[in-house]
Amino acid sequence: MRKPIDTRHETNAIFKMAAVCLTLCVLVFSYSTAQARTLIIECLSEPPLKWWSNDKALGIDVDIMTEVLREMGITDYTFRFVDTGRRLLHNAEQGQSDIVLTLSLNDERERFLTYPEEAHLLLDWRFAIRKEDSNHIRFSDFSDLSNVRIGAAAGYSYTQAFWESGLDIETVARNDLLIPMLLQERFDAVPVNYLSTVFETIQSGERSKIAFLYPPLRRAAYYNPFSKASDYPDKQVFLARYDEIIREMRDDGRLLAIFERYLGPDGLDWWQSQYSQ
């Protein structure tokens, strides 16, 4: 008669292994839960890039970042608006925010911000003129504007070359006076932020009355950098994937679609001036 096989040791080993696996699962889950939190994205109100309306964040940069996060599978995030650029940078430096929308790059900001490789926007300052003058006012060099009445906003840097150009420049107190004074024929050309001016004149119904001179007076790359002091997990992994998605959006037309959503036909012109050269 065969002796029964004693399986108590094997059973105990299985139970011990199961207990170890369960413990590991609990630890991993606890770690993930501890690390997971709302991603805080801070910004200033600057239509059409970003603004707050009817309890919702809107704008080109908001839509770009929302699409990036959708691709990453991140659903726990918030757009938080602050009232000044100083507060925006202070919060990032202190780690009170994670991502800052729409910043240019400089040495001081790099001290406390980690920038992605991809600039998602190139923002232009261009000369705006009246539409009927587009056949005889050109700009390739400042000498082309020597007989043109130029308006500019006091306190705006534009470029050093602009202020030293010897042009007939008259300054006004506020930037938002330039387009009305252009249309009233007080000036013949005014340097403006191309993107915001296109959007504002679409909203006001005056877009057909103005044209823009190319090339830009000034162009700068803008990024969505990460706060170095932020404790959001896996920031480097996030930024690497962010760069991949921005490149994909540029190639597959999603960026263009966002531009056209806010700028209409000018979205294509802006796209071509940035990415098709």
Protein backbone atom coordinates (compact mmCIF):
# COMPACT_ATOMS: atom_id res chain seq x y z
CA MET A 1 0.00 0.00 0.00
CA ARG A 2 1.42 3.40 -1.09
CA LYS A 3 1.95 6.06 1.55
CA PRO A 4 -0.03 9.30 1.07
CA ILE A 5 2.11 12.19 -0.21
CA ASP A 6 2.66 14.92 2.35
CA THR A 7 1.92 18.21 0.56
CA ARG A 8 1.92 20.41 3.62
CA HIS A 9 5.31 21.95 2.78
CA GLU A 10 4.26 22.76 -0.80
CA THR A 11 0.97 24.24 0.40
CA ASN A 12 2.75 26.39 2.98
CA ALA A 13 5.20 27.59 0.31
CA ILE A 14 2.35 28.57 -1.99
CA PHE A 15 0.61 30.46 0.81
CA LYS A 16 3.86 32.24 1.72
CA MET A 17 4.46 33.21 -1.92
CA ALA A 18 0.88 34.51 -2.23
CA ALA A 19 1.33 36.56 0.92
CA VAL A 20 4.56 38.07 -0.39
CA CYS A 21 2.88 38.96 -3.72
CA LEU A 22 -0.07 40.51 -1.92
CA THR A 23 2.26 42.57 0.27
CA LEU A 24 4.16 43.80 -2.77
CA CYS A 25 0.92 44.75 -4.54
CA VAL A 26 -0.22 46.69 -1.50
CA LEU A 27 3.12 48.52 -1.31
CA VAL A 28 3.10 49.39 -5.02
CA PHE A 29 -0.50 50.57 -4.83
CA SER A 30 0.27 52.63 -1.73
CA TYR A 31 3.30 54.21 -3.47
CA SER A 32 1.33 55.04 -6.60
CA THR A 33 -1.48 56.51 -4.54
CA ALA A 34 0.96 58.60 -2.55
CA GLN A 35 2.63 59.89 -5.75
CA ALA A 36 -0.54 60.56 -7.72
CA ARG A 37 -1.95 64.09 -7.41
CA THR A 38 -3.44 66.85 -9.46
CA LEU A 39 -1.08 68.34 -12.06
CA ILE A 40 -1.16 72.13 -11.56
CA ILE A 41 -0.75 74.17 -14.75
CA GLU A 42 -0.47 77.91 -14.15
CA CYS A 43 -0.84 80.76 -16.60
CA LEU A 44 -1.78 84.37 -17.18
CA SER A 45 -4.91 85.43 -19.03
CA GLU A 46 -3.70 86.22 -22.56
CA PRO A 47 -6.32 85.60 -25.28
CA PRO A 48 -6.21 83.80 -27.64
CA LEU A 49 -3.54 81.69 -25.94
CA LYS A 50 -5.37 81.22 -22.66
CA TRP A 51 -8.18 82.79 -20.73
CA TRP A 52 -10.97 81.86 -18.31
CA SER A 53 -14.61 82.04 -19.38
CA ASN A 54 -17.77 80.53 -17.91
CA ASP A 55 -15.79 78.48 -15.37
CA LYS A 56 -13.62 76.97 -18.08
CA ALA A 57 -10.08 77.47 -19.40
CA LEU A 58 -10.01 78.30 -23.11
CA GLY A 59 -7.38 79.11 -25.70
CA ILE A 60 -4.77 77.79 -28.09
CA ASP A 61 -2.29 76.80 -25.38
CA VAL A 62 -5.03 75.29 -23.23
CA ASP A 63 -6.15 73.11 -26.14
CA ILE A 64 -2.58 72.08 -26.97
CA MET A 65 -1.83 71.06 -23.38
CA THR A 66 -5.20 69.31 -23.02
CA GLU A 67 -4.46 67.22 -26.12
CA VAL A 68 -0.98 66.37 -24.83
CA LEU A 69 -2.41 65.20 -21.49
CA ARG A 70 -5.11 63.19 -23.27
CA GLU A 71 -2.39 61.36 -25.21
CA MET A 72 -0.54 60.68 -21.97
CA GLY A 73 -3.66 59.38 -20.26
CA ILE A 74 -3.48 62.06 -17.56
CA THR A 75 -6.95 63.13 -16.42
CA ASP A 76 -6.20 64.70 -13.03
CA TYR A 77 -5.05 68.22 -13.89
CA THR A 78 -6.16 71.82 -13.46
CA PHE A 79 -5.48 75.14 -15.18
CA ARG A 80 -4.92 77.85 -12.58
CA PHE A 81 -4.84 81.52 -13.55
CA VAL A 82 -2.80 84.10 -11.66
CA ASP A 83 -2.91 87.87 -11.94
CA THR A 84 0.73 88.85 -12.53
CA GLY A 85 3.83 87.49 -14.22
CA ARG A 86 5.76 87.96 -10.99
CA ARG A 87 3.32 85.70 -9.12
CA LEU A 88 3.46 83.16 -11.96
CA LEU A 89 7.25 82.86 -11.78
CA HIS A 90 7.32 82.95 -7.96
CA ASN A 91 4.93 80.01 -7.73
CA ALA A 92 6.99 77.99 -10.18
CA GLU A 93 10.23 78.79 -8.36
CA GLN A 94 8.71 77.68 -5.04
CA GLY A 95 7.18 74.49 -6.49
CA GLN A 96 3.63 75.73 -5.92
CA SER A 97 2.85 74.96 -9.56
CA ASP A 98 4.07 72.21 -11.87
CA ILE A 99 3.86 73.58 -15.43
CA VAL A 100 3.88 77.18 -16.63
CA LEU A 101 2.18 77.92 -19.94
CA THR A 102 3.74 80.04 -22.66
CA LEU A 103 7.13 81.27 -21.51
CA SER A 104 10.13 82.32 -23.54
CA LEU A 105 13.53 80.98 -22.51
CA ASN A 106 16.19 82.94 -20.71
CA ASP A 107 19.05 82.19 -18.31
CA GLU A 108 17.25 83.44 -15.22
CA ARG A 109 14.17 81.29 -15.83
CA GLU A 110 16.29 78.23 -16.60
CA ARG A 111 17.57 78.46 -13.05
CA PHE A 112 14.22 77.20 -11.72
CA LEU A 113 12.44 75.83 -14.80
CA THR A 114 13.12 72.76 -16.94
CA TYR A 115 12.27 73.49 -20.54
CA PRO A 116 11.13 70.88 -23.07
CA GLU A 117 13.08 70.61 -26.31
CA GLU A 118 10.06 71.52 -28.42
CA ALA A 119 8.81 75.10 -28.68
CA HIS A 120 5.12 74.72 -29.39
CA LEU A 121 4.74 78.33 -30.59
CA LEU A 122 6.77 81.00 -32.33
CA LEU A 123 5.21 84.35 -31.44
CA ASP A 124 5.69 87.30 -33.79
CA TRP A 125 5.65 91.05 -33.62
CA ARG A 126 4.77 92.39 -37.07
CA PHE A 127 3.94 95.75 -38.58
CA ALA A 128 0.21 96.16 -39.14
CA ILE A 129 -0.97 98.47 -41.91
CA ARG A 130 -4.31 99.37 -43.44
CA LYS A 131 -5.46 96.85 -46.01
CA GLU A 132 -5.64 99.46 -48.80
CA ASP A 133 -1.96 100.30 -48.27
CA SER A 134 -0.72 96.75 -48.75
CA ASN A 135 0.25 97.38 -52.39
CA HIS A 136 2.69 100.18 -51.68
CA ILE A 137 4.01 99.64 -48.13
CA ARG A 138 6.61 96.88 -47.90
CA PHE A 139 9.08 95.84 -45.24
CA SER A 140 12.38 94.10 -45.78
CA ASP A 141 14.52 96.74 -44.10
CA PHE A 142 13.73 99.76 -41.92
CA SER A 143 14.63 102.03 -44.85
CA ASP A 144 11.45 100.77 -46.58
CA LEU A 145 9.45 102.61 -43.89
CA SER A 146 11.36 105.89 -44.05
CA ASN A 147 8.36 107.82 -45.37
CA VAL A 148 5.77 106.05 -43.19
CA ARG A 149 4.24 107.42 -39.99
CA ILE A 150 4.95 104.81 -37.30
CA GLY A 151 3.06 104.47 -34.02
CA ALA A 152 4.45 102.52 -31.06
CA ALA A 153 3.50 101.91 -27.44
CA ALA A 154 5.64 103.58 -24.81
CA GLY A 155 7.51 101.14 -22.60
CA TYR A 156 7.54 98.31 -25.15
CA SER A 157 11.01 97.06 -26.09
CA TYR A 158 10.18 95.73 -29.58
CA THR A 159 13.82 95.63 -30.70
CA GLN A 160 16.74 97.95 -30.08
CA ALA A 161 17.20 98.28 -33.85
CA PHE A 162 13.61 99.53 -34.17
CA TRP A 163 14.12 102.38 -31.70
CA GLU A 164 17.49 103.26 -33.26
CA SER A 165 16.21 103.05 -36.85
CA GLY A 166 15.69 106.79 -37.32
CA LEU A 167 12.08 106.23 -38.40
CA ASP A 168 9.31 108.74 -37.76
CA ILE A 169 8.05 107.06 -34.56
CA GLU A 170 5.37 108.55 -32.34
CA THR A 171 4.65 106.84 -29.02
CA VAL A 172 1.26 106.41 -27.40
CA ALA A 173 0.43 105.52 -23.81
CA ARG A 174 -1.13 102.09 -24.41
CA ASN A 175 -0.65 99.27 -26.87
CA ASP A 176 -4.41 98.85 -27.39
CA LEU A 177 -4.57 102.34 -28.95
CA LEU A 178 -2.41 101.41 -31.93
CA ILE A 179 -4.93 99.60 -34.15
CA PRO A 180 -7.72 102.19 -33.64
CA MET A 181 -5.27 105.00 -34.44
CA LEU A 182 -4.03 103.09 -37.49
CA LEU A 183 -7.58 102.76 -38.81
CA GLN A 184 -8.21 106.45 -38.05
CA GLU A 185 -5.17 107.21 -40.27
CA ARG A 186 -3.20 108.73 -37.43
CA PHE A 187 -0.45 106.22 -38.26
CA ASP A 188 0.45 104.22 -41.36
CA ALA A 189 2.12 101.28 -39.65
CA VAL A 190 2.23 100.00 -36.07
CA PRO A 191 4.20 97.11 -34.50
CA VAL A 192 1.84 94.66 -32.83
CA ASN A 193 1.69 91.14 -31.47
CA TYR A 194 0.50 89.32 -34.59
CA LEU A 195 -1.43 86.54 -32.89
CA SER A 196 -3.40 88.64 -30.40
CA THR A 197 -4.09 91.33 -33.01
CA VAL A 198 -5.52 88.81 -35.47
CA PHE A 199 -7.76 87.37 -32.76
CA GLU A 200 -8.90 90.75 -31.43
CA THR A 201 -9.73 92.13 -34.88
CA ILE A 202 -11.66 88.97 -35.73
CA GLN A 203 -13.70 89.55 -32.58
CA SER A 204 -14.22 93.25 -33.37
CA GLY A 205 -15.05 92.68 -37.05
CA GLU A 206 -12.05 94.72 -38.23
CA ARG A 207 -9.84 91.90 -39.50
CA SER A 208 -10.56 92.71 -43.16
CA LYS A 209 -9.37 96.29 -42.66
CA ILE A 210 -5.77 95.48 -41.76
CA ALA A 211 -2.83 93.63 -43.30
CA PHE A 212 0.51 92.56 -41.85
CA LEU A 213 4.00 93.04 -43.20
CA TYR A 214 6.34 90.09 -43.39
CA PRO A 215 9.02 89.23 -42.22
CA PRO A 216 8.34 89.79 -38.51
CA LEU A 217 9.94 92.64 -36.65
CA ARG A 218 10.64 90.17 -33.87
CA ARG A 219 10.07 86.45 -33.33
CA ALA A 220 10.56 84.36 -30.19
CA ALA A 221 10.06 80.70 -29.31
CA TYR A 222 7.67 79.89 -26.47
CA TYR A 223 7.53 76.78 -24.30
CA ASN A 224 5.53 75.09 -21.54
CA PRO A 225 8.28 74.44 -18.95
CA PHE A 226 8.20 72.37 -15.75
CA SER A 227 9.03 73.73 -12.30
CA LYS A 228 12.27 72.22 -10.99
CA ALA A 229 10.92 72.53 -7.44
CA SER A 230 7.74 70.63 -8.31
CA ASP A 231 7.39 67.21 -6.67
CA TYR A 232 5.21 65.86 -9.46
CA PRO A 233 6.52 62.33 -10.22
CA ASP A 234 8.60 61.38 -13.27
CA LYS A 235 9.05 64.88 -14.66
CA GLN A 236 11.78 63.86 -17.11
CA VAL A 237 9.62 61.05 -18.45
CA PHE A 238 6.76 63.53 -18.80
CA LEU A 239 8.90 66.03 -20.73
CA ALA A 240 10.29 63.39 -23.10
CA ARG A 241 6.79 62.19 -23.93
CA TYR A 242 5.60 65.81 -24.20
CA ASP A 243 8.22 66.49 -26.89
CA GLU A 244 7.17 63.39 -28.82
CA ILE A 245 3.50 64.39 -28.77
CA ILE A 246 4.18 67.99 -29.85
CA ARG A 247 6.16 66.68 -32.83
CA GLU A 248 3.34 64.28 -33.69
CA MET A 249 0.74 67.06 -33.44
CA ARG A 250 2.84 69.26 -35.71
CA ASP A 251 3.14 66.49 -38.30
CA ASP A 252 -0.42 65.14 -38.27
CA GLY A 253 -2.26 68.47 -38.45
CA ARG A 254 -3.61 68.66 -34.91
CA LEU A 255 -1.69 71.87 -34.16
CA LEU A 256 -2.98 73.43 -37.37
CA ALA A 257 -6.55 72.45 -36.45
CA ILE A 258 -6.19 74.20 -33.07
CA PHE A 259 -4.82 77.37 -34.71
CA GLU A 260 -7.70 77.44 -37.19
CA ARG A 261 -10.21 76.91 -34.38
CA TYR A 262 -9.29 80.31 -32.95
CA LEU A 263 -7.90 82.20 -35.95
CA GLY A 264 -9.99 80.96 -38.87
CA PRO A 265 -8.17 81.27 -42.24
CA ASP A 266 -5.34 83.15 -40.54
CA GLY A 267 -4.54 79.93 -38.66
CA LEU A 268 -3.16 78.42 -41.87
CA ASP A 269 -1.09 81.53 -42.63
CA TRP A 270 0.33 81.50 -39.12
CA TRP A 271 1.04 77.77 -39.35
CA GLN A 272 2.88 78.19 -42.65
CA SER A 273 4.95 81.08 -41.37
CA GLN A 274 6.10 78.99 -38.38
CA TYR A 275 6.46 75.41 -39.49
CA SER A 276 6.61 75.27 -43.27
CA GLN A 277 9.81 77.18 -43.85
